[in-house]
Protein backbone atom coordinates (compact mmCIF):
# COMPACT_ATOMS: atom_id res chain seq x y z
CA UNK A 1 0.00 0.00 0.00
CA UNK A 2 2.83 2.39 0.86
CA UNK A 3 4.43 1.71 -2.52
CA UNK A 4 1.16 2.67 -4.23
CA UNK A 5 1.13 6.04 -2.47
CA UNK A 6 4.79 6.60 -3.31
CA UNK A 7 4.04 6.10 -7.01
CA UNK A 8 0.80 8.14 -6.85
CA UNK A 9 2.62 11.17 -5.43
CA UNK A 10 4.14 11.76 -8.86
CA UNK A 11 0.74 12.91 -10.10
CA UNK A 12 1.59 16.17 -8.34
CA UNK A 13 3.83 16.87 -11.36
CA UNK A 14 0.63 18.04 -13.07
CA UNK A 15 0.19 20.80 -10.48
CA UNK A 16 3.90 21.68 -10.63
CA UNK A 17 4.10 21.94 -14.42
CA UNK A 18 0.81 23.83 -14.78
CA UNK A 19 1.79 26.27 -12.02
CA UNK A 20 5.18 26.91 -13.64
CA UNK A 21 3.58 27.43 -17.07
CA UNK A 22 1.04 29.82 -15.54
CA UNK A 23 3.87 31.63 -13.77
CA UNK A 24 5.81 32.10 -17.01
CA UNK A 25 2.66 33.32 -18.77
CA UNK A 26 1.96 35.87 -16.03
CA UNK A 27 5.56 37.10 -16.09
CA UNK A 28 5.09 37.77 -19.82
CA UNK A 29 1.75 39.54 -19.18
CA UNK A 30 3.39 41.64 -16.43
CA UNK A 31 6.17 42.62 -18.81
CA UNK A 32 3.56 43.63 -21.41
CA UNK A 33 1.79 45.80 -18.83
CA UNK A 34 5.10 47.44 -17.95
CA UNK A 35 5.66 48.08 -21.65
CA UNK A 36 2.20 49.70 -21.82
CA UNK A 37 3.23 52.03 -18.97
CA UNK A 38 6.33 53.07 -20.91
CA UNK A 39 4.41 53.68 -24.14
CA UNK A 40 1.85 55.72 -22.21
CA UNK A 41 4.54 58.00 -20.78
CA UNK A 42 6.78 58.22 -23.85
CA UNK A 43 4.18 58.38 -26.63
CA UNK A 44 1.14 59.56 -24.68
CA UNK A 45 -0.92 56.59 -25.92
CA UNK A 46 -3.73 55.48 -23.64
CA UNK A 47 -4.86 52.09 -24.93
CA UNK A 48 -7.54 51.49 -22.29
CA UNK A 49 -10.49 53.84 -22.84
CA UNK A 50 -11.76 53.37 -19.28
CA UNK A 51 -8.61 55.16 -18.08
CA UNK A 52 -8.93 58.10 -20.47
CA UNK A 53 -10.18 60.40 -17.69
CA UNK A 54 -6.79 60.12 -15.95
CA UNK A 55 -3.58 61.98 -16.78
CA UNK A 56 -0.92 59.99 -18.64
CA UNK A 57 1.25 59.68 -15.52
CA UNK A 58 -1.71 58.26 -13.58
CA UNK A 59 -2.47 55.82 -16.41
CA UNK A 60 1.17 54.72 -16.40
CA UNK A 61 1.00 54.28 -12.63
CA UNK A 62 -2.13 52.18 -13.06
CA UNK A 63 -0.36 49.96 -15.60
CA UNK A 64 2.63 49.59 -13.27
CA UNK A 65 0.38 48.66 -10.34
CA UNK A 66 -1.36 46.09 -12.56
CA UNK A 67 2.03 44.70 -13.61
CA UNK A 68 3.12 44.51 -9.97
CA UNK A 69 -0.04 42.57 -9.19
CA UNK A 70 0.55 40.25 -12.12
CA UNK A 71 4.17 39.64 -11.08
CA UNK A 72 3.03 38.85 -7.53
CA UNK A 73 0.53 36.27 -8.79
CA UNK A 74 3.27 34.80 -10.99
CA UNK A 75 5.49 34.51 -7.91
CA UNK A 76 2.66 32.84 -5.98
CA UNK A 77 2.38 30.21 -8.71
CA UNK A 78 6.16 29.73 -8.67
CA UNK A 79 6.23 29.40 -4.88
CA UNK A 80 3.33 26.95 -5.02
CA UNK A 81 5.11 24.83 -7.64
CA UNK A 82 8.30 24.86 -5.59
CA UNK A 83 6.39 23.95 -2.42
CA UNK A 84 4.55 21.05 -4.03
CA UNK A 85 7.82 19.80 -5.52
CA UNK A 86 9.59 20.06 -2.15
CA UNK A 87 6.79 18.37 -0.23
CA UNK A 88 5.88 15.54 -2.60
CA UNK A 89 8.66 14.88 -5.12
CA UNK A 90 12.13 15.87 -3.94
CA UNK A 91 14.38 13.76 -1.78
CA UNK A 92 14.45 15.43 1.64
CA UNK A 93 18.10 14.51 2.27
CA UNK A 94 19.30 16.08 -0.98
CA UNK A 95 17.02 19.10 -0.50
CA UNK A 96 18.64 19.95 2.85
CA UNK A 97 22.09 20.08 1.22
CA UNK A 98 20.94 22.35 -1.61
CA UNK A 99 18.81 24.76 0.35
CA UNK A 100 16.99 27.67 -1.22
CA UNK A 101 16.12 30.99 0.32
CA UNK A 102 14.86 30.57 3.87
CA UNK A 103 11.52 32.32 3.27
CA UNK A 104 10.62 30.01 0.36
CA UNK A 105 11.56 26.74 2.09
CA UNK A 106 8.53 24.53 2.67
CA UNK A 107 9.19 21.88 5.29
CA UNK A 108 5.46 21.22 5.73
CA UNK A 109 2.10 22.05 4.18
CA UNK A 110 1.36 24.61 6.94
CA UNK A 111 4.40 26.66 5.94
CA UNK A 112 3.30 26.56 2.28
CA UNK A 113 -0.17 27.77 3.27
CA UNK A 114 1.34 30.53 5.37
CA UNK A 115 3.54 31.80 2.53
CA UNK A 116 0.66 31.69 0.05
CA UNK A 117 -1.70 33.40 2.49
CA UNK A 118 0.74 36.24 3.13
CA UNK A 119 1.30 36.83 -0.57
CA UNK A 120 -2.44 36.73 -1.27
CA UNK A 121 -2.99 39.47 1.34
CA UNK A 122 -0.34 41.57 -0.42
CA UNK A 123 -1.98 40.92 -3.81
CA UNK A 124 -5.35 42.04 -2.44
CA UNK A 125 -3.74 45.19 -1.04
CA UNK A 126 -2.27 45.98 -4.48
CA UNK A 127 -5.73 45.38 -6.02
CA UNK A 128 -7.15 47.87 -3.52
CA UNK A 129 -4.55 50.46 -4.55
CA UNK A 130 -5.43 49.85 -8.19
CA UNK A 131 -9.13 50.25 -7.43
CA UNK A 132 -8.53 53.51 -5.57
CA UNK A 133 -6.40 54.90 -8.37
CA UNK A 134 -8.92 54.06 -11.09
CA UNK A 135 -11.90 55.43 -9.13
CA UNK A 136 -10.10 58.39 -7.58
CA UNK A 137 -12.70 60.87 -8.78
CA UNK A 138 -15.69 58.71 -7.86
CA UNK A 139 -15.02 57.18 -4.42
CA UNK A 140 -17.93 55.66 -2.49
CA UNK A 141 -18.27 54.04 0.92
CA UNK A 142 -18.58 50.59 -0.66
CA UNK A 143 -14.90 50.75 -1.55
CA UNK A 144 -14.10 50.18 2.14
CA UNK A 145 -15.31 46.58 1.87
CA UNK A 146 -12.04 45.43 0.29
CA UNK A 147 -9.63 46.87 2.91
CA UNK A 148 -11.85 45.55 5.71
CA UNK A 149 -11.77 42.10 4.09
CA UNK A 150 -7.97 42.35 3.71
CA UNK A 151 -7.64 43.28 7.37
CA UNK A 152 -9.83 40.34 8.40
CA UNK A 153 -7.75 37.96 6.26
CA UNK A 154 -4.51 39.28 7.75
CA UNK A 155 -5.81 38.94 11.30
CA UNK A 156 -7.09 35.43 10.62
CA UNK A 157 -3.70 34.44 9.18
CA UNK A 158 -2.05 35.77 12.32
CA UNK A 159 -4.42 33.79 14.54
CA UNK A 160 -4.00 30.62 12.50
CA UNK A 161 -0.21 30.80 12.87
CA UNK A 162 0.35 28.22 10.14
CA UNK A 163 4.15 28.53 10.19
CA UNK A 164 4.60 28.57 13.98
CA UNK A 165 5.72 24.97 14.38
CA UNK A 166 8.56 25.59 11.93
CA UNK A 167 9.67 28.69 13.82
CA UNK A 168 9.83 26.65 17.02
CA UNK A 169 11.97 24.05 15.24
CA UNK A 170 14.35 26.80 14.04
CA UNK A 171 14.69 28.19 17.57
CA UNK A 172 15.46 24.74 18.99
CA UNK A 173 18.16 24.10 16.36
CA UNK A 174 19.93 27.44 17.04
C-alpha atoms as a PDB file:
ATOM      1  CA  UNK A   1       0.000   0.000   0.000  1.00  0.00           C
ATOM      2  CA  UNK A   2       2.830   2.385   0.858  1.00  0.00           C
ATOM      3  CA  UNK A   3       4.426   1.712  -2.516  1.00  0.00           C
ATOM      4  CA  UNK A   4       1.164   2.670  -4.234  1.00  0.00           C
ATOM      5  CA  UNK A   5       1.127   6.040  -2.469  1.00  0.00           C
ATOM      6  CA  UNK A   6       4.791   6.605  -3.314  1.00  0.00           C
ATOM      7  CA  UNK A   7       4.039   6.097  -7.007  1.00  0.00           C
ATOM      8  CA  UNK A   8       0.798   8.135  -6.846  1.00  0.00           C
ATOM      9  CA  UNK A   9       2.615  11.166  -5.430  1.00  0.00           C
ATOM     10  CA  UNK A  10       4.143  11.756  -8.861  1.00  0.00           C
ATOM     11  CA  UNK A  11       0.736  12.908 -10.102  1.00  0.00           C
ATOM     12  CA  UNK A  12       1.586  16.171  -8.343  1.00  0.00           C
ATOM     13  CA  UNK A  13       3.833  16.869 -11.357  1.00  0.00           C
ATOM     14  CA  UNK A  14       0.630  18.036 -13.069  1.00  0.00           C
ATOM     15  CA  UNK A  15       0.194  20.802 -10.485  1.00  0.00           C
ATOM     16  CA  UNK A  16       3.902  21.677 -10.632  1.00  0.00           C
ATOM     17  CA  UNK A  17       4.101  21.937 -14.423  1.00  0.00           C
ATOM     18  CA  UNK A  18       0.810  23.832 -14.782  1.00  0.00           C
ATOM     19  CA  UNK A  19       1.794  26.268 -12.021  1.00  0.00           C
ATOM     20  CA  UNK A  20       5.178  26.909 -13.644  1.00  0.00           C
ATOM     21  CA  UNK A  21       3.581  27.434 -17.066  1.00  0.00           C
ATOM     22  CA  UNK A  22       1.045  29.821 -15.543  1.00  0.00           C
ATOM     23  CA  UNK A  23       3.872  31.628 -13.769  1.00  0.00           C
ATOM     24  CA  UNK A  24       5.806  32.096 -17.010  1.00  0.00           C
ATOM     25  CA  UNK A  25       2.659  33.323 -18.767  1.00  0.00           C
ATOM     26  CA  UNK A  26       1.962  35.868 -16.027  1.00  0.00           C
ATOM     27  CA  UNK A  27       5.564  37.099 -16.092  1.00  0.00           C
ATOM     28  CA  UNK A  28       5.086  37.775 -19.820  1.00  0.00           C
ATOM     29  CA  UNK A  29       1.752  39.542 -19.181  1.00  0.00           C
ATOM     30  CA  UNK A  30       3.386  41.636 -16.431  1.00  0.00           C
ATOM     31  CA  UNK A  31       6.169  42.622 -18.813  1.00  0.00           C
ATOM     32  CA  UNK A  32       3.564  43.632 -21.410  1.00  0.00           C
ATOM     33  CA  UNK A  33       1.790  45.798 -18.830  1.00  0.00           C
ATOM     34  CA  UNK A  34       5.102  47.444 -17.946  1.00  0.00           C
ATOM     35  CA  UNK A  35       5.659  48.076 -21.649  1.00  0.00           C
ATOM     36  CA  UNK A  36       2.201  49.702 -21.816  1.00  0.00           C
ATOM     37  CA  UNK A  37       3.227  52.030 -18.972  1.00  0.00           C
ATOM     38  CA  UNK A  38       6.330  53.068 -20.912  1.00  0.00           C
ATOM     39  CA  UNK A  39       4.410  53.681 -24.138  1.00  0.00           C
ATOM     40  CA  UNK A  40       1.851  55.723 -22.211  1.00  0.00           C
ATOM     41  CA  UNK A  41       4.538  57.996 -20.783  1.00  0.00           C
ATOM     42  CA  UNK A  42       6.779  58.222 -23.850  1.00  0.00           C
ATOM     43  CA  UNK A  43       4.178  58.382 -26.632  1.00  0.00           C
ATOM     44  CA  UNK A  44       1.136  59.560 -24.678  1.00  0.00           C
ATOM     45  CA  UNK A  45      -0.920  56.595 -25.923  1.00  0.00           C
ATOM     46  CA  UNK A  46      -3.734  55.483 -23.642  1.00  0.00           C
ATOM     47  CA  UNK A  47      -4.856  52.086 -24.926  1.00  0.00           C
ATOM     48  CA  UNK A  48      -7.538  51.495 -22.288  1.00  0.00           C
ATOM     49  CA  UNK A  49     -10.486  53.838 -22.842  1.00  0.00           C
ATOM     50  CA  UNK A  50     -11.755  53.366 -19.280  1.00  0.00           C
ATOM     51  CA  UNK A  51      -8.605  55.165 -18.078  1.00  0.00           C
ATOM     52  CA  UNK A  52      -8.927  58.103 -20.471  1.00  0.00           C
ATOM     53  CA  UNK A  53     -10.185  60.401 -17.690  1.00  0.00           C
ATOM     54  CA  UNK A  54      -6.794  60.118 -15.947  1.00  0.00           C
ATOM     55  CA  UNK A  55      -3.582  61.975 -16.779  1.00  0.00           C
ATOM     56  CA  UNK A  56      -0.918  59.994 -18.637  1.00  0.00           C
ATOM     57  CA  UNK A  57       1.253  59.681 -15.520  1.00  0.00           C
ATOM     58  CA  UNK A  58      -1.713  58.260 -13.579  1.00  0.00           C
ATOM     59  CA  UNK A  59      -2.471  55.820 -16.414  1.00  0.00           C
ATOM     60  CA  UNK A  60       1.175  54.721 -16.402  1.00  0.00           C
ATOM     61  CA  UNK A  61       1.005  54.276 -12.632  1.00  0.00           C
ATOM     62  CA  UNK A  62      -2.127  52.176 -13.056  1.00  0.00           C
ATOM     63  CA  UNK A  63      -0.357  49.960 -15.601  1.00  0.00           C
ATOM     64  CA  UNK A  64       2.632  49.590 -13.274  1.00  0.00           C
ATOM     65  CA  UNK A  65       0.377  48.655 -10.340  1.00  0.00           C
ATOM     66  CA  UNK A  66      -1.357  46.091 -12.562  1.00  0.00           C
ATOM     67  CA  UNK A  67       2.031  44.705 -13.609  1.00  0.00           C
ATOM     68  CA  UNK A  68       3.120  44.508  -9.970  1.00  0.00           C
ATOM     69  CA  UNK A  69      -0.045  42.574  -9.185  1.00  0.00           C
ATOM     70  CA  UNK A  70       0.548  40.255 -12.121  1.00  0.00           C
ATOM     71  CA  UNK A  71       4.166  39.637 -11.084  1.00  0.00           C
ATOM     72  CA  UNK A  72       3.027  38.853  -7.526  1.00  0.00           C
ATOM     73  CA  UNK A  73       0.534  36.271  -8.786  1.00  0.00           C
ATOM     74  CA  UNK A  74       3.271  34.797 -10.991  1.00  0.00           C
ATOM     75  CA  UNK A  75       5.488  34.513  -7.914  1.00  0.00           C
ATOM     76  CA  UNK A  76       2.663  32.838  -5.983  1.00  0.00           C
ATOM     77  CA  UNK A  77       2.377  30.211  -8.707  1.00  0.00           C
ATOM     78  CA  UNK A  78       6.156  29.733  -8.670  1.00  0.00           C
ATOM     79  CA  UNK A  79       6.231  29.398  -4.878  1.00  0.00           C
ATOM     80  CA  UNK A  80       3.327  26.949  -5.023  1.00  0.00           C
ATOM     81  CA  UNK A  81       5.110  24.832  -7.642  1.00  0.00           C
ATOM     82  CA  UNK A  82       8.300  24.860  -5.587  1.00  0.00           C
ATOM     83  CA  UNK A  83       6.394  23.954  -2.423  1.00  0.00           C
ATOM     84  CA  UNK A  84       4.551  21.049  -4.026  1.00  0.00           C
ATOM     85  CA  UNK A  85       7.818  19.805  -5.516  1.00  0.00           C
ATOM     86  CA  UNK A  86       9.586  20.060  -2.153  1.00  0.00           C
ATOM     87  CA  UNK A  87       6.795  18.366  -0.226  1.00  0.00           C
ATOM     88  CA  UNK A  88       5.880  15.537  -2.603  1.00  0.00           C
ATOM     89  CA  UNK A  89       8.657  14.882  -5.119  1.00  0.00           C
ATOM     90  CA  UNK A  90      12.130  15.871  -3.943  1.00  0.00           C
ATOM     91  CA  UNK A  91      14.379  13.761  -1.783  1.00  0.00           C
ATOM     92  CA  UNK A  92      14.446  15.431   1.644  1.00  0.00           C
ATOM     93  CA  UNK A  93      18.095  14.509   2.273  1.00  0.00           C
ATOM     94  CA  UNK A  94      19.296  16.076  -0.977  1.00  0.00           C
ATOM     95  CA  UNK A  95      17.017  19.097  -0.503  1.00  0.00           C
ATOM     96  CA  UNK A  96      18.642  19.946   2.854  1.00  0.00           C
ATOM     97  CA  UNK A  97      22.088  20.079   1.224  1.00  0.00           C
ATOM     98  CA  UNK A  98      20.942  22.349  -1.614  1.00  0.00           C
ATOM     99  CA  UNK A  99      18.809  24.758   0.353  1.00  0.00           C
ATOM    100  CA  UNK A 100      16.993  27.674  -1.223  1.00  0.00           C
ATOM    101  CA  UNK A 101      16.123  30.992   0.320  1.00  0.00           C
ATOM    102  CA  UNK A 102      14.860  30.567   3.867  1.00  0.00           C
ATOM    103  CA  UNK A 103      11.522  32.317   3.266  1.00  0.00           C
ATOM    104  CA  UNK A 104      10.624  30.006   0.365  1.00  0.00           C
ATOM    105  CA  UNK A 105      11.560  26.739   2.090  1.00  0.00           C
ATOM    106  CA  UNK A 106       8.526  24.534   2.669  1.00  0.00           C
ATOM    107  CA  UNK A 107       9.189  21.878   5.287  1.00  0.00           C
ATOM    108  CA  UNK A 108       5.458  21.217   5.725  1.00  0.00           C
ATOM    109  CA  UNK A 109       2.097  22.052   4.177  1.00  0.00           C
ATOM    110  CA  UNK A 110       1.361  24.606   6.939  1.00  0.00           C
ATOM    111  CA  UNK A 111       4.400  26.659   5.941  1.00  0.00           C
ATOM    112  CA  UNK A 112       3.304  26.564   2.277  1.00  0.00           C
ATOM    113  CA  UNK A 113      -0.171  27.768   3.272  1.00  0.00           C
ATOM    114  CA  UNK A 114       1.336  30.533   5.367  1.00  0.00           C
ATOM    115  CA  UNK A 115       3.537  31.796   2.530  1.00  0.00           C
ATOM    116  CA  UNK A 116       0.661  31.692   0.050  1.00  0.00           C
ATOM    117  CA  UNK A 117      -1.699  33.403   2.492  1.00  0.00           C
ATOM    118  CA  UNK A 118       0.744  36.242   3.134  1.00  0.00           C
ATOM    119  CA  UNK A 119       1.302  36.825  -0.574  1.00  0.00           C
ATOM    120  CA  UNK A 120      -2.444  36.726  -1.270  1.00  0.00           C
ATOM    121  CA  UNK A 121      -2.993  39.469   1.335  1.00  0.00           C
ATOM    122  CA  UNK A 122      -0.344  41.569  -0.421  1.00  0.00           C
ATOM    123  CA  UNK A 123      -1.977  40.917  -3.808  1.00  0.00           C
ATOM    124  CA  UNK A 124      -5.348  42.037  -2.435  1.00  0.00           C
ATOM    125  CA  UNK A 125      -3.741  45.191  -1.042  1.00  0.00           C
ATOM    126  CA  UNK A 126      -2.273  45.977  -4.480  1.00  0.00           C
ATOM    127  CA  UNK A 127      -5.726  45.377  -6.017  1.00  0.00           C
ATOM    128  CA  UNK A 128      -7.153  47.870  -3.523  1.00  0.00           C
ATOM    129  CA  UNK A 129      -4.548  50.457  -4.547  1.00  0.00           C
ATOM    130  CA  UNK A 130      -5.428  49.855  -8.191  1.00  0.00           C
ATOM    131  CA  UNK A 131      -9.130  50.246  -7.429  1.00  0.00           C
ATOM    132  CA  UNK A 132      -8.531  53.513  -5.569  1.00  0.00           C
ATOM    133  CA  UNK A 133      -6.398  54.903  -8.372  1.00  0.00           C
ATOM    134  CA  UNK A 134      -8.923  54.058 -11.089  1.00  0.00           C
ATOM    135  CA  UNK A 135     -11.902  55.426  -9.126  1.00  0.00           C
ATOM    136  CA  UNK A 136     -10.101  58.387  -7.583  1.00  0.00           C
ATOM    137  CA  UNK A 137     -12.701  60.873  -8.779  1.00  0.00           C
ATOM    138  CA  UNK A 138     -15.687  58.714  -7.857  1.00  0.00           C
ATOM    139  CA  UNK A 139     -15.025  57.177  -4.417  1.00  0.00           C
ATOM    140  CA  UNK A 140     -17.932  55.659  -2.493  1.00  0.00           C
ATOM    141  CA  UNK A 141     -18.268  54.044   0.923  1.00  0.00           C
ATOM    142  CA  UNK A 142     -18.579  50.590  -0.662  1.00  0.00           C
ATOM    143  CA  UNK A 143     -14.899  50.755  -1.552  1.00  0.00           C
ATOM    144  CA  UNK A 144     -14.101  50.178   2.136  1.00  0.00           C
ATOM    145  CA  UNK A 145     -15.310  46.583   1.873  1.00  0.00           C
ATOM    146  CA  UNK A 146     -12.040  45.434   0.295  1.00  0.00           C
ATOM    147  CA  UNK A 147      -9.629  46.872   2.908  1.00  0.00           C
ATOM    148  CA  UNK A 148     -11.846  45.553   5.711  1.00  0.00           C
ATOM    149  CA  UNK A 149     -11.767  42.104   4.089  1.00  0.00           C
ATOM    150  CA  UNK A 150      -7.973  42.348   3.705  1.00  0.00           C
ATOM    151  CA  UNK A 151      -7.639  43.278   7.369  1.00  0.00           C
ATOM    152  CA  UNK A 152      -9.834  40.343   8.396  1.00  0.00           C
ATOM    153  CA  UNK A 153      -7.747  37.959   6.264  1.00  0.00           C
ATOM    154  CA  UNK A 154      -4.507  39.276   7.746  1.00  0.00           C
ATOM    155  CA  UNK A 155      -5.809  38.936  11.298  1.00  0.00           C
ATOM    156  CA  UNK A 156      -7.094  35.429  10.624  1.00  0.00           C
ATOM    157  CA  UNK A 157      -3.704  34.437   9.179  1.00  0.00           C
ATOM    158  CA  UNK A 158      -2.052  35.768  12.318  1.00  0.00           C
ATOM    159  CA  UNK A 159      -4.422  33.790  14.545  1.00  0.00           C
ATOM    160  CA  UNK A 160      -4.003  30.619  12.498  1.00  0.00           C
ATOM    161  CA  UNK A 161      -0.215  30.798  12.866  1.00  0.00           C
ATOM    162  CA  UNK A 162       0.347  28.218  10.139  1.00  0.00           C
ATOM    163  CA  UNK A 163       4.146  28.532  10.193  1.00  0.00           C
ATOM    164  CA  UNK A 164       4.603  28.566  13.976  1.00  0.00           C
ATOM    165  CA  UNK A 165       5.722  24.970  14.381  1.00  0.00           C
ATOM    166  CA  UNK A 166       8.563  25.589  11.930  1.00  0.00           C
ATOM    167  CA  UNK A 167       9.674  28.694  13.822  1.00  0.00           C
ATOM    168  CA  UNK A 168       9.825  26.654  17.022  1.00  0.00           C
ATOM    169  CA  UNK A 169      11.968  24.049  15.239  1.00  0.00           C
ATOM    170  CA  UNK A 170      14.348  26.799  14.036  1.00  0.00           C
ATOM    171  CA  UNK A 171      14.694  28.193  17.574  1.00  0.00           C
ATOM    172  CA  UNK A 172      15.458  24.742  18.988  1.00  0.00           C
ATOM    173  CA  UNK A 173      18.160  24.100  16.360  1.00  0.00           C
ATOM    174  CA  UNK A 174      19.933  27.441  17.038  1.00  0.00           C
END
